[in-house]
Structures are given as C-alpha cells and as structure tokens.
Amino acid sequence: MKVGIARDGAVFSTRMQGWYRTSQKTLAGVLRGGCYNDANPSEVTSVNLVIAPNAPKEQVDQIFSILEEAGWPKSKVKVETWTNDPQKPR
C-alpha cells in the first residue's frame, strides 16, 4: 500500500487500484481491515509513505501515528519524497 501526503496536507492512498484522496479515518480502517478485491480480504503486506516537500509536519506526525497504531512503526515503513506532487508518485 502506498500512502501520500501532499504539500497542502491532503492524504492519498492506492486504495482500489487507483491513487485517491482519502481521510485519516478511512486510512486507519483500511490498514486494520486489509485491502479488499471483490469482497476477498488481503492483508496489507507493505507500506510506502511518500511525503511532498513542505508537507505540514502535523499531518506527517498524524499519519505516522495512524500507521504505528495499525502495526506499522517507522522502522517498517519505506519513506520517500513525493517530487511530482500533486500528480501520482512514480
């Protein structure tokens, strides 16, 4: 699963085979419940976090908190810079 934090603080994820804006509440639910494809649950097996330069620190901290609560501490999350924000990260 890829999660992105845009420079304006908006949160995106690769839910349902696309890059979509999402809420913190939805992100937390997906991390807990797994990814679904035709009602067939599949565990989240990896998390990549892409952060745009100048993304609000508060938002970054909140997302890290959500990830940690779902069993994804910083040490297990691959963190990258989102250089082409607002387009989908490459």
N, C-alpha and C. Protein backbone atom coordinates (compact mmCIF):
# COMPACT_ATOMS: atom_id res chain seq x y z
N MET A 1 0.84 -1.16 0.00
CA MET A 1 0.00 0.00 0.00
C MET A 1 0.89 1.23 0.00
N LYS A 2 0.53 2.21 -0.80
CA LYS A 2 1.26 3.47 -0.84
C LYS A 2 0.36 4.57 -0.29
N VAL A 3 0.92 5.37 0.61
CA VAL A 3 0.22 6.49 1.22
C VAL A 3 1.01 7.75 0.89
N GLY A 4 0.31 8.81 0.51
CA GLY A 4 0.98 10.05 0.19
C GLY A 4 0.44 11.22 1.00
N ILE A 5 1.35 12.13 1.33
CA ILE A 5 0.95 13.37 1.99
C ILE A 5 1.40 14.51 1.08
N ALA A 6 0.43 15.24 0.53
CA ALA A 6 0.71 16.33 -0.40
C ALA A 6 1.19 17.57 0.34
N ARG A 7 1.72 18.51 -0.40
CA ARG A 7 2.27 19.73 0.23
C ARG A 7 1.20 20.54 0.95
N ASP A 8 -0.09 20.36 0.57
CA ASP A 8 -1.16 21.07 1.26
C ASP A 8 -1.74 20.26 2.42
N GLY A 9 -1.15 19.08 2.69
CA GLY A 9 -1.59 18.24 3.80
C GLY A 9 -2.61 17.18 3.42
N ALA A 10 -3.08 17.19 2.17
CA ALA A 10 -4.05 16.18 1.74
C ALA A 10 -3.40 14.80 1.78
N VAL A 11 -4.19 13.79 2.14
CA VAL A 11 -3.71 12.41 2.23
C VAL A 11 -4.28 11.62 1.07
N PHE A 12 -3.42 10.82 0.45
CA PHE A 12 -3.82 9.98 -0.68
C PHE A 12 -3.39 8.55 -0.39
N SER A 13 -4.05 7.59 -1.04
CA SER A 13 -3.62 6.19 -0.92
C SER A 13 -3.95 5.45 -2.21
N THR A 14 -3.36 4.28 -2.34
CA THR A 14 -3.57 3.46 -3.52
C THR A 14 -4.68 2.45 -3.28
N ARG A 15 -5.75 2.92 -2.76
CA ARG A 15 -6.89 2.04 -2.47
C ARG A 15 -7.65 1.75 -3.76
N MET A 16 -8.06 0.50 -3.93
CA MET A 16 -8.89 0.07 -5.07
C MET A 16 -8.20 0.34 -6.40
N GLN A 17 -6.94 0.02 -6.49
CA GLN A 17 -6.18 0.08 -7.74
C GLN A 17 -6.06 1.47 -8.35
N GLY A 18 -6.15 2.49 -7.56
CA GLY A 18 -6.00 3.86 -8.05
C GLY A 18 -5.42 4.75 -6.98
N TRP A 19 -5.07 5.95 -7.34
CA TRP A 19 -4.50 6.93 -6.42
C TRP A 19 -5.59 7.90 -6.05
N TYR A 20 -6.12 7.80 -4.83
CA TYR A 20 -7.28 8.58 -4.43
C TYR A 20 -7.02 9.36 -3.14
N ARG A 21 -7.64 10.53 -3.06
CA ARG A 21 -7.61 11.29 -1.81
C ARG A 21 -8.42 10.52 -0.78
N THR A 22 -7.96 10.51 0.45
CA THR A 22 -8.63 9.74 1.49
C THR A 22 -8.59 10.51 2.81
N SER A 23 -9.39 10.07 3.73
CA SER A 23 -9.38 10.68 5.07
C SER A 23 -8.52 9.83 5.99
N GLN A 24 -8.15 10.42 7.12
CA GLN A 24 -7.37 9.68 8.10
C GLN A 24 -8.17 8.50 8.65
N LYS A 25 -9.46 8.69 8.82
CA LYS A 25 -10.34 7.63 9.34
C LYS A 25 -10.39 6.45 8.37
N THR A 26 -10.55 6.73 7.09
CA THR A 26 -10.58 5.67 6.08
C THR A 26 -9.25 4.95 6.01
N LEU A 27 -8.16 5.71 6.06
CA LEU A 27 -6.83 5.11 6.03
C LEU A 27 -6.64 4.15 7.20
N ALA A 28 -7.04 4.55 8.39
CA ALA A 28 -6.92 3.70 9.57
C ALA A 28 -7.73 2.41 9.40
N GLY A 29 -8.93 2.53 8.84
CA GLY A 29 -9.77 1.35 8.62
C GLY A 29 -9.18 0.38 7.63
N VAL A 30 -8.62 0.91 6.56
CA VAL A 30 -8.01 0.06 5.54
C VAL A 30 -6.79 -0.67 6.12
N LEU A 31 -5.99 0.04 6.89
CA LEU A 31 -4.81 -0.59 7.49
C LEU A 31 -5.20 -1.70 8.46
N ARG A 32 -6.30 -1.51 9.20
CA ARG A 32 -6.77 -2.53 10.13
C ARG A 32 -7.44 -3.69 9.41
N GLY A 33 -8.29 -3.37 8.44
CA GLY A 33 -9.11 -4.39 7.80
C GLY A 33 -8.48 -5.05 6.59
N GLY A 34 -7.45 -4.47 6.04
CA GLY A 34 -6.82 -5.03 4.85
C GLY A 34 -7.43 -4.48 3.58
N CYS A 35 -6.88 -4.90 2.48
CA CYS A 35 -7.34 -4.47 1.16
C CYS A 35 -8.36 -5.48 0.65
N TYR A 36 -9.40 -5.00 0.01
CA TYR A 36 -10.44 -5.88 -0.48
C TYR A 36 -10.51 -5.84 -2.00
N ASN A 37 -10.68 -7.01 -2.58
CA ASN A 37 -10.89 -7.14 -4.01
C ASN A 37 -12.06 -8.11 -4.18
N ASP A 38 -13.19 -7.60 -4.62
CA ASP A 38 -14.39 -8.42 -4.76
C ASP A 38 -14.72 -9.15 -3.45
N ALA A 39 -14.68 -8.41 -2.35
CA ALA A 39 -15.01 -8.92 -1.01
C ALA A 39 -14.06 -10.03 -0.56
N ASN A 40 -12.86 -10.07 -1.11
CA ASN A 40 -11.86 -11.05 -0.72
C ASN A 40 -10.74 -10.33 0.02
N PRO A 41 -10.73 -10.37 1.37
CA PRO A 41 -9.75 -9.59 2.11
C PRO A 41 -8.32 -10.09 1.90
N SER A 42 -7.41 -9.13 1.84
CA SER A 42 -5.99 -9.42 1.70
C SER A 42 -5.24 -8.50 2.64
N GLU A 43 -4.37 -9.08 3.46
CA GLU A 43 -3.61 -8.30 4.43
C GLU A 43 -2.71 -7.27 3.74
N VAL A 44 -2.53 -6.13 4.38
CA VAL A 44 -1.56 -5.15 3.91
C VAL A 44 -0.19 -5.72 4.24
N THR A 45 0.66 -5.90 3.22
CA THR A 45 1.95 -6.55 3.43
C THR A 45 3.12 -5.58 3.43
N SER A 46 2.91 -4.38 2.93
CA SER A 46 3.97 -3.37 2.97
C SER A 46 3.32 -1.99 2.88
N VAL A 47 4.03 -1.00 3.44
CA VAL A 47 3.54 0.37 3.39
C VAL A 47 4.67 1.28 2.94
N ASN A 48 4.42 2.02 1.88
CA ASN A 48 5.33 3.06 1.41
C ASN A 48 4.66 4.40 1.68
N LEU A 49 5.39 5.31 2.28
CA LEU A 49 4.87 6.64 2.56
C LEU A 49 5.65 7.64 1.74
N VAL A 50 4.96 8.37 0.87
CA VAL A 50 5.60 9.41 0.07
C VAL A 50 5.14 10.76 0.61
N ILE A 51 6.12 11.60 0.90
CA ILE A 51 5.83 12.88 1.55
C ILE A 51 6.34 14.00 0.66
N ALA A 52 5.46 14.92 0.30
CA ALA A 52 5.85 16.07 -0.51
C ALA A 52 6.71 17.02 0.31
N PRO A 53 7.67 17.66 -0.36
CA PRO A 53 8.43 18.69 0.35
C PRO A 53 7.47 19.74 0.90
N ASN A 54 7.75 20.23 2.06
CA ASN A 54 6.93 21.26 2.72
C ASN A 54 5.56 20.76 3.18
N ALA A 55 5.35 19.44 3.21
CA ALA A 55 4.08 18.92 3.77
C ALA A 55 4.01 19.32 5.23
N PRO A 56 2.82 19.66 5.73
CA PRO A 56 2.69 20.08 7.13
C PRO A 56 3.18 19.00 8.10
N LYS A 57 4.07 19.38 8.99
CA LYS A 57 4.65 18.44 9.95
C LYS A 57 3.57 17.77 10.80
N GLU A 58 2.54 18.53 11.16
CA GLU A 58 1.46 17.96 11.98
C GLU A 58 0.77 16.81 11.27
N GLN A 59 0.54 16.99 9.97
CA GLN A 59 -0.12 15.94 9.18
C GLN A 59 0.79 14.71 9.08
N VAL A 60 2.07 14.92 8.85
CA VAL A 60 3.02 13.82 8.77
C VAL A 60 3.03 13.05 10.09
N ASP A 61 3.08 13.76 11.20
CA ASP A 61 3.07 13.12 12.52
C ASP A 61 1.79 12.32 12.75
N GLN A 62 0.65 12.86 12.32
CA GLN A 62 -0.62 12.16 12.50
C GLN A 62 -0.65 10.87 11.68
N ILE A 63 -0.14 10.92 10.46
CA ILE A 63 -0.14 9.72 9.61
C ILE A 63 0.80 8.67 10.20
N PHE A 64 1.97 9.08 10.68
CA PHE A 64 2.87 8.13 11.34
C PHE A 64 2.19 7.51 12.56
N SER A 65 1.41 8.27 13.29
CA SER A 65 0.69 7.76 14.45
C SER A 65 -0.34 6.71 14.03
N ILE A 66 -1.08 6.99 12.98
CA ILE A 66 -2.08 6.04 12.46
C ILE A 66 -1.39 4.76 12.01
N LEU A 67 -0.28 4.90 11.30
CA LEU A 67 0.46 3.73 10.84
C LEU A 67 0.95 2.89 12.01
N GLU A 68 1.49 3.55 13.02
CA GLU A 68 2.01 2.83 14.18
C GLU A 68 0.91 2.09 14.92
N GLU A 69 -0.25 2.73 15.09
CA GLU A 69 -1.38 2.07 15.76
C GLU A 69 -1.84 0.83 15.01
N ALA A 70 -1.63 0.82 13.69
CA ALA A 70 -2.04 -0.33 12.86
C ALA A 70 -0.93 -1.37 12.72
N GLY A 71 0.16 -1.17 13.47
CA GLY A 71 1.24 -2.16 13.42
C GLY A 71 2.34 -1.85 12.42
N TRP A 72 2.40 -0.60 11.97
CA TRP A 72 3.41 -0.18 11.00
C TRP A 72 4.27 0.95 11.59
N PRO A 73 5.21 0.60 12.49
CA PRO A 73 6.09 1.64 13.03
C PRO A 73 7.03 2.18 11.95
N LYS A 74 7.65 3.31 12.21
CA LYS A 74 8.54 3.95 11.23
C LYS A 74 9.58 2.99 10.68
N SER A 75 10.06 2.09 11.49
CA SER A 75 11.10 1.16 11.05
C SER A 75 10.63 0.19 9.98
N LYS A 76 9.31 -0.03 9.86
CA LYS A 76 8.76 -0.95 8.86
C LYS A 76 8.21 -0.23 7.63
N VAL A 77 8.19 1.11 7.65
CA VAL A 77 7.60 1.89 6.56
C VAL A 77 8.71 2.46 5.68
N LYS A 78 8.60 2.25 4.39
CA LYS A 78 9.55 2.85 3.45
C LYS A 78 9.08 4.29 3.18
N VAL A 79 9.95 5.25 3.42
CA VAL A 79 9.60 6.67 3.27
C VAL A 79 10.36 7.24 2.08
N GLU A 80 9.62 7.95 1.21
CA GLU A 80 10.20 8.56 0.02
C GLU A 80 9.71 10.00 -0.11
N THR A 81 10.38 10.76 -0.95
CA THR A 81 9.95 12.13 -1.24
C THR A 81 9.03 12.12 -2.44
N TRP A 82 7.91 12.83 -2.33
CA TRP A 82 6.93 12.92 -3.41
C TRP A 82 7.30 14.13 -4.26
N THR A 83 8.16 13.92 -5.23
CA THR A 83 8.72 15.03 -6.01
C THR A 83 7.77 15.61 -7.05
N ASN A 84 6.79 14.85 -7.51
CA ASN A 84 5.90 15.35 -8.56
C ASN A 84 4.50 15.65 -8.04
N ASP A 85 4.38 15.96 -6.75
CA ASP A 85 3.09 16.36 -6.15
C ASP A 85 2.53 17.52 -6.96
N PRO A 86 1.27 17.55 -7.34
CA PRO A 86 0.15 16.71 -6.91
C PRO A 86 -0.13 15.51 -7.80
N GLN A 87 0.71 15.22 -8.77
CA GLN A 87 0.48 14.05 -9.62
C GLN A 87 0.80 12.78 -8.84
N LYS A 88 0.30 11.64 -9.32
CA LYS A 88 0.56 10.35 -8.68
C LYS A 88 2.06 10.13 -8.62
N PRO A 89 2.59 9.70 -7.45
CA PRO A 89 4.02 9.44 -7.35
C PRO A 89 4.46 8.34 -8.31
N ARG A 90 5.64 8.47 -8.83
CA ARG A 90 6.17 7.43 -9.73
C ARG A 90 6.85 6.36 -8.96
